[in-house]
Amino acid sequence: MTRVRLFAGAADILGATALELTASTAGELRAALVAGHGVSAEQVITRCSLLVDGVRATDDDHPVGEDSLVDVLPPFAGG
């Protein structure tokens, strides 16, 4: 399973700082994060950057490995 670390608003809206999910792409991971959490979660998660093993996922097709570590980073000041 993919390890996911959540920060700031992403952690607040999902009520966790870490999760384990199954996804093979960044788009699937975003969908899994939003599932069951409503419109507010979708609004936050779609604005977040995903770092997959330290590399920014620039599109929904970015691969996510079973053993990947993904950081979900909301926009910070100026970003």
Protein backbone atom coordinates (compact mmCIF):
# COMPACT_ATOMS: atom_id res chain seq x y z
CA MET A 1 0.00 0.00 0.00
CA THR A 2 1.07 3.56 -0.65
CA ARG A 3 1.98 5.56 2.45
CA VAL A 4 0.45 9.05 2.41
CA ARG A 5 1.45 11.91 4.69
CA LEU A 6 -0.99 14.80 5.02
CA PHE A 7 -0.09 18.31 6.10
CA ALA A 8 -1.91 21.48 7.21
CA GLY A 9 -5.40 21.84 5.69
CA ALA A 10 -5.26 18.41 4.04
CA ALA A 11 -4.69 16.78 7.42
CA ASP A 12 -7.43 18.90 8.99
CA ILE A 13 -10.08 18.10 6.37
CA LEU A 14 -9.33 14.36 6.35
CA GLY A 15 -8.81 14.09 10.10
CA ALA A 16 -5.47 12.29 9.82
CA THR A 17 -1.79 13.03 9.33
CA ALA A 18 -1.05 9.69 7.66
CA LEU A 19 -2.96 7.08 5.67
CA GLU A 20 -2.27 3.95 3.65
CA LEU A 21 -4.08 3.75 0.32
CA THR A 22 -3.99 1.76 -2.89
CA ALA A 23 -3.43 3.78 -6.06
CA SER A 24 -1.32 3.42 -9.19
CA THR A 25 -1.47 7.07 -10.34
CA ALA A 26 -1.67 10.50 -8.73
CA GLY A 27 -5.23 10.87 -10.06
CA GLU A 28 -6.33 7.61 -8.42
CA LEU A 29 -4.70 8.73 -5.18
CA ARG A 30 -6.54 12.08 -5.23
CA ALA A 31 -9.82 10.24 -5.86
CA ALA A 32 -9.15 7.86 -2.97
CA LEU A 33 -8.38 10.78 -0.64
CA VAL A 34 -11.61 12.58 -1.55
CA ALA A 35 -13.88 9.49 -1.50
CA GLY A 36 -16.35 9.69 1.34
CA HIS A 37 -15.15 13.08 2.55
CA GLY A 38 -17.40 15.37 0.52
CA VAL A 39 -17.03 18.57 -1.44
CA SER A 40 -14.85 20.31 1.14
CA ALA A 41 -12.22 17.59 0.88
CA GLU A 42 -12.34 17.75 -2.92
CA GLN A 43 -11.79 21.52 -2.84
CA VAL A 44 -8.75 21.14 -0.60
CA ILE A 45 -7.19 18.05 -2.19
CA THR A 46 -7.46 19.35 -5.77
CA ARG A 47 -5.39 22.38 -4.75
CA CYS A 48 -2.69 20.32 -3.07
CA SER A 49 0.64 19.35 -4.56
CA LEU A 50 1.59 15.70 -4.43
CA LEU A 51 5.20 14.69 -3.93
CA VAL A 52 5.69 11.05 -4.90
CA ASP A 53 8.93 9.77 -3.45
CA GLY A 54 10.16 13.37 -3.34
CA VAL A 55 9.19 14.21 -6.93
CA ARG A 56 6.29 16.56 -7.68
CA ALA A 57 3.46 14.82 -9.55
CA THR A 58 2.69 17.27 -12.34
CA ASP A 59 -0.35 15.44 -13.73
CA ASP A 60 -2.90 12.79 -12.80
CA ASP A 61 -1.04 10.12 -14.81
CA HIS A 62 2.08 10.37 -12.65
CA PRO A 63 2.81 6.82 -11.44
CA VAL A 64 2.48 5.93 -7.77
CA GLY A 65 4.15 2.73 -6.66
CA GLU A 66 2.84 0.27 -4.10
CA ASP A 67 5.77 1.16 -1.82
CA SER A 68 5.74 4.90 -2.57
CA LEU A 69 5.67 7.66 0.00
CA VAL A 70 3.36 10.51 -1.03
CA ASP A 71 3.28 13.89 0.69
CA VAL A 72 0.07 15.91 0.26
CA LEU A 73 1.01 19.58 0.53
CA PRO A 74 -1.59 22.36 0.50
CA PRO A 75 -0.53 25.68 -1.00
CA PHE A 76 1.63 27.68 1.35
CA ALA A 77 1.96 31.45 1.59
CA GLY A 78 2.75 32.84 -1.82
CA GLY A 79 1.97 29.53 -3.53
